[in-house]
Amino acid sequence: MDRFTLAFDRASQVLITLQKALQLSEVSDLERDGAIQRFEYTFEALWKAGRHFLREYAGLDVASPKEVIRSCREVGLLTLDETKHALEMAQDRNLTSHTYDPTIAEDIFKRLGGRALLMEKWLNQMKDKTLK
């Protein structure tokens, strides 16, 4: 298996764990924090899948999450609006992994549903482009 396929499969699998966490109706602080942790590792897996996609299918070598997001826009994986939201998602990931503030955690948790939808769309776009 090539590196993109491995990274894509990993990102797809961890996205499912995030989606499951978001199906809970009433969440405790512990469940909220667990969902945020799932968001963090799903975002990591996703941007790395994007990096491998860009290397293998677009001939681009970019290294950081924000560079990957911008480059995915350039190759047509993300729209301008989706790129803006993906960059905000990268900021959310940075906020959650480097500090803990209950107010920030609650705000980010409220955005996770939309973040998961964007991640799913981004993965589907990569899959569609590799099938062409």
C-alpha atoms as a PDB file:
ATOM      1  CA  MET A   1       0.000   0.000   0.000  1.00  0.00           C
ATOM      2  CA  ASP A   2       1.212   3.488  -0.790  1.00  0.00           C
ATOM      3  CA  ARG A   3       1.631   6.137   1.900  1.00  0.00           C
ATOM      4  CA  PHE A   4      -1.447   8.072   0.848  1.00  0.00           C
ATOM      5  CA  THR A   5      -3.682   5.003   1.065  1.00  0.00           C
ATOM      6  CA  LEU A   6      -2.363   4.167   4.531  1.00  0.00           C
ATOM      7  CA  ALA A   7      -2.811   7.750   5.735  1.00  0.00           C
ATOM      8  CA  PHE A   8      -6.248   7.993   4.115  1.00  0.00           C
ATOM      9  CA  ASP A   9      -7.410   4.770   5.753  1.00  0.00           C
ATOM     10  CA  ARG A  10      -6.130   5.915   9.142  1.00  0.00           C
ATOM     11  CA  ALA A  11      -7.860   9.292   8.824  1.00  0.00           C
ATOM     12  CA  SER A  12     -11.114   7.607   7.774  1.00  0.00           C
ATOM     13  CA  GLN A  13     -11.001   5.263  10.755  1.00  0.00           C
ATOM     14  CA  VAL A  14     -10.326   7.959  13.337  1.00  0.00           C
ATOM     15  CA  LEU A  15     -12.989  10.229  11.851  1.00  0.00           C
ATOM     16  CA  ILE A  16     -15.486   7.494  12.704  1.00  0.00           C
ATOM     17  CA  THR A  17     -14.396   7.665  16.348  1.00  0.00           C
ATOM     18  CA  LEU A  18     -15.026  11.413  16.381  1.00  0.00           C
ATOM     19  CA  GLN A  19     -18.416  10.992  14.743  1.00  0.00           C
ATOM     20  CA  LYS A  20     -19.375   8.412  17.374  1.00  0.00           C
ATOM     21  CA  ALA A  21     -18.396  10.786  20.174  1.00  0.00           C
ATOM     22  CA  LEU A  22     -20.571  13.480  18.632  1.00  0.00           C
ATOM     23  CA  GLN A  23     -23.646  11.245  18.652  1.00  0.00           C
ATOM     24  CA  LEU A  24     -23.960  11.537  22.434  1.00  0.00           C
ATOM     25  CA  SER A  25     -26.867  13.755  23.421  1.00  0.00           C
ATOM     26  CA  GLU A  26     -25.970  14.866  26.951  1.00  0.00           C
ATOM     27  CA  VAL A  27     -22.247  14.946  27.597  1.00  0.00           C
ATOM     28  CA  SER A  28     -20.272  15.200  30.796  1.00  0.00           C
ATOM     29  CA  ASP A  29     -17.080  17.241  31.007  1.00  0.00           C
ATOM     30  CA  LEU A  30     -15.133  14.008  30.627  1.00  0.00           C
ATOM     31  CA  GLU A  31     -17.034  13.038  27.466  1.00  0.00           C
ATOM     32  CA  ARG A  32     -16.614  16.546  26.070  1.00  0.00           C
ATOM     33  CA  ASP A  33     -12.887  16.410  26.685  1.00  0.00           C
ATOM     34  CA  GLY A  34     -12.739  12.944  25.120  1.00  0.00           C
ATOM     35  CA  ALA A  35     -14.493  14.240  22.003  1.00  0.00           C
ATOM     36  CA  ILE A  36     -12.003  17.107  21.815  1.00  0.00           C
ATOM     37  CA  GLN A  37      -9.140  14.614  22.083  1.00  0.00           C
ATOM     38  CA  ARG A  38     -10.678  12.649  19.211  1.00  0.00           C
ATOM     39  CA  PHE A  39     -10.921  15.883  17.229  1.00  0.00           C
ATOM     40  CA  GLU A  40      -7.218  16.535  17.827  1.00  0.00           C
ATOM     41  CA  TYR A  41      -6.039  13.157  16.568  1.00  0.00           C
ATOM     42  CA  THR A  42      -8.525  13.158  13.698  1.00  0.00           C
ATOM     43  CA  PHE A  43      -7.271  16.547  12.544  1.00  0.00           C
ATOM     44  CA  GLU A  44      -3.680  15.268  12.754  1.00  0.00           C
ATOM     45  CA  ALA A  45      -4.497  12.200  10.693  1.00  0.00           C
ATOM     46  CA  LEU A  46      -6.442  14.253   8.153  1.00  0.00           C
ATOM     47  CA  TRP A  47      -3.849  16.901   7.416  1.00  0.00           C
ATOM     48  CA  LYS A  48      -1.190  14.201   7.128  1.00  0.00           C
ATOM     49  CA  ALA A  49      -3.378  12.329   4.626  1.00  0.00           C
ATOM     50  CA  GLY A  50      -3.667  15.631   2.772  1.00  0.00           C
ATOM     51  CA  ARG A  51       0.114  15.985   2.793  1.00  0.00           C
ATOM     52  CA  HIS A  52       0.536  12.510   1.284  1.00  0.00           C
ATOM     53  CA  PHE A  53      -2.176  13.236  -1.286  1.00  0.00           C
ATOM     54  CA  LEU A  54      -0.409  16.424  -2.335  1.00  0.00           C
ATOM     55  CA  ARG A  55       2.933  14.611  -2.684  1.00  0.00           C
ATOM     56  CA  GLU A  56       1.599  11.648  -4.624  1.00  0.00           C
ATOM     57  CA  TYR A  57      -1.094  13.235  -6.775  1.00  0.00           C
ATOM     58  CA  ALA A  58      -0.119  16.897  -7.131  1.00  0.00           C
ATOM     59  CA  GLY A  59       3.675  16.768  -6.852  1.00  0.00           C
ATOM     60  CA  LEU A  60       3.657  19.268  -3.977  1.00  0.00           C
ATOM     61  CA  ASP A  61       5.844  18.893  -0.907  1.00  0.00           C
ATOM     62  CA  VAL A  62       4.413  20.870   1.998  1.00  0.00           C
ATOM     63  CA  ALA A  63       5.063  20.228   5.654  1.00  0.00           C
ATOM     64  CA  SER A  64       2.747  22.137   7.979  1.00  0.00           C
ATOM     65  CA  PRO A  65      -1.003  21.761   8.524  1.00  0.00           C
ATOM     66  CA  LYS A  66      -1.764  25.280   7.300  1.00  0.00           C
ATOM     67  CA  GLU A  67       0.397  24.833   4.189  1.00  0.00           C
ATOM     68  CA  VAL A  68      -1.396  21.569   3.453  1.00  0.00           C
ATOM     69  CA  ILE A  69      -4.788  23.244   3.841  1.00  0.00           C
ATOM     70  CA  ARG A  70      -3.857  26.113   1.510  1.00  0.00           C
ATOM     71  CA  SER A  71      -2.371  23.708  -1.030  1.00  0.00           C
ATOM     72  CA  CYS A  72      -5.501  21.556  -0.931  1.00  0.00           C
ATOM     73  CA  ARG A  73      -7.412  24.680  -1.933  1.00  0.00           C
ATOM     74  CA  GLU A  74      -4.993  25.240  -4.813  1.00  0.00           C
ATOM     75  CA  VAL A  75      -5.551  21.726  -6.190  1.00  0.00           C
ATOM     76  CA  GLY A  76      -9.331  21.918  -5.836  1.00  0.00           C
ATOM     77  CA  LEU A  77      -9.919  19.740  -2.777  1.00  0.00           C
ATOM     78  CA  LEU A  78     -11.312  22.624  -0.736  1.00  0.00           C
ATOM     79  CA  THR A  79     -13.297  25.705  -1.688  1.00  0.00           C
ATOM     80  CA  LEU A  80     -12.256  29.124  -0.464  1.00  0.00           C
ATOM     81  CA  ASP A  81     -14.878  28.996   2.305  1.00  0.00           C
ATOM     82  CA  GLU A  82     -13.862  25.459   3.309  1.00  0.00           C
ATOM     83  CA  THR A  83     -10.229  26.564   3.393  1.00  0.00           C
ATOM     84  CA  LYS A  84     -11.140  29.370   5.783  1.00  0.00           C
ATOM     85  CA  HIS A  85     -12.970  26.907   8.032  1.00  0.00           C
ATOM     86  CA  ALA A  86     -10.141  24.364   7.821  1.00  0.00           C
ATOM     87  CA  LEU A  87      -7.644  27.040   8.900  1.00  0.00           C
ATOM     88  CA  GLU A  88      -9.944  27.876  11.834  1.00  0.00           C
ATOM     89  CA  MET A  89     -10.050  24.156  12.601  1.00  0.00           C
ATOM     90  CA  ALA A  90      -6.236  24.131  12.712  1.00  0.00           C
ATOM     91  CA  GLN A  91      -6.390  27.016  15.167  1.00  0.00           C
ATOM     92  CA  ASP A  92      -8.893  25.100  17.314  1.00  0.00           C
ATOM     93  CA  ARG A  93      -6.554  22.118  17.318  1.00  0.00           C
ATOM     94  CA  ASN A  94      -3.666  24.321  18.442  1.00  0.00           C
ATOM     95  CA  LEU A  95      -5.754  25.846  21.221  1.00  0.00           C
ATOM     96  CA  THR A  96      -6.877  22.482  22.572  1.00  0.00           C
ATOM     97  CA  SER A  97      -3.515  20.773  22.482  1.00  0.00           C
ATOM     98  CA  HIS A  98      -1.394  23.512  24.039  1.00  0.00           C
ATOM     99  CA  THR A  99      -3.563  24.850  26.834  1.00  0.00           C
ATOM    100  CA  TYR A 100      -6.665  23.914  28.755  1.00  0.00           C
ATOM    101  CA  ASP A 101      -9.364  26.426  29.435  1.00  0.00           C
ATOM    102  CA  PRO A 102     -12.896  25.141  30.153  1.00  0.00           C
ATOM    103  CA  THR A 103     -14.503  28.044  28.294  1.00  0.00           C
ATOM    104  CA  ILE A 104     -12.390  27.431  25.193  1.00  0.00           C
ATOM    105  CA  ALA A 105     -13.077  23.699  25.451  1.00  0.00           C
ATOM    106  CA  GLU A 106     -16.827  24.312  25.519  1.00  0.00           C
ATOM    107  CA  ASP A 107     -16.652  26.689  22.536  1.00  0.00           C
ATOM    108  CA  ILE A 108     -14.592  24.220  20.512  1.00  0.00           C
ATOM    109  CA  PHE A 109     -16.866  21.333  21.454  1.00  0.00           C
ATOM    110  CA  LYS A 110     -19.832  23.260  20.051  1.00  0.00           C
ATOM    111  CA  ARG A 111     -18.010  23.536  16.699  1.00  0.00           C
ATOM    112  CA  LEU A 112     -17.023  19.873  16.449  1.00  0.00           C
ATOM    113  CA  GLY A 113     -20.090  18.805  14.476  1.00  0.00           C
ATOM    114  CA  GLY A 114     -19.276  21.238  11.680  1.00  0.00           C
ATOM    115  CA  ARG A 115     -15.585  20.350  11.893  1.00  0.00           C
ATOM    116  CA  ALA A 116     -16.393  16.652  11.474  1.00  0.00           C
ATOM    117  CA  LEU A 117     -18.547  17.389   8.412  1.00  0.00           C
ATOM    118  CA  LEU A 118     -15.730  19.374   6.823  1.00  0.00           C
ATOM    119  CA  MET A 119     -13.220  16.609   7.563  1.00  0.00           C
ATOM    120  CA  GLU A 120     -15.521  14.040   5.980  1.00  0.00           C
ATOM    121  CA  LYS A 121     -15.946  16.197   2.874  1.00  0.00           C
ATOM    122  CA  TRP A 122     -12.186  16.772   2.613  1.00  0.00           C
ATOM    123  CA  LEU A 123     -11.544  13.022   2.802  1.00  0.00           C
ATOM    124  CA  ASN A 124     -14.217  12.344   0.203  1.00  0.00           C
ATOM    125  CA  GLN A 125     -12.650  14.909  -2.115  1.00  0.00           C
ATOM    126  CA  MET A 126      -9.271  13.166  -1.793  1.00  0.00           C
ATOM    127  CA  LYS A 127     -10.883   9.817  -2.503  1.00  0.00           C
ATOM    128  CA  ASP A 128     -12.769  11.170  -5.536  1.00  0.00           C
ATOM    129  CA  LYS A 129      -9.593  12.735  -6.987  1.00  0.00           C
ATOM    130  CA  THR A 130      -7.640   9.492  -6.643  1.00  0.00           C
ATOM    131  CA  LEU A 131     -10.324   7.530  -8.493  1.00  0.00           C
ATOM    132  CA  LYS A 132     -10.109   9.727 -11.606  1.00  0.00           C
END
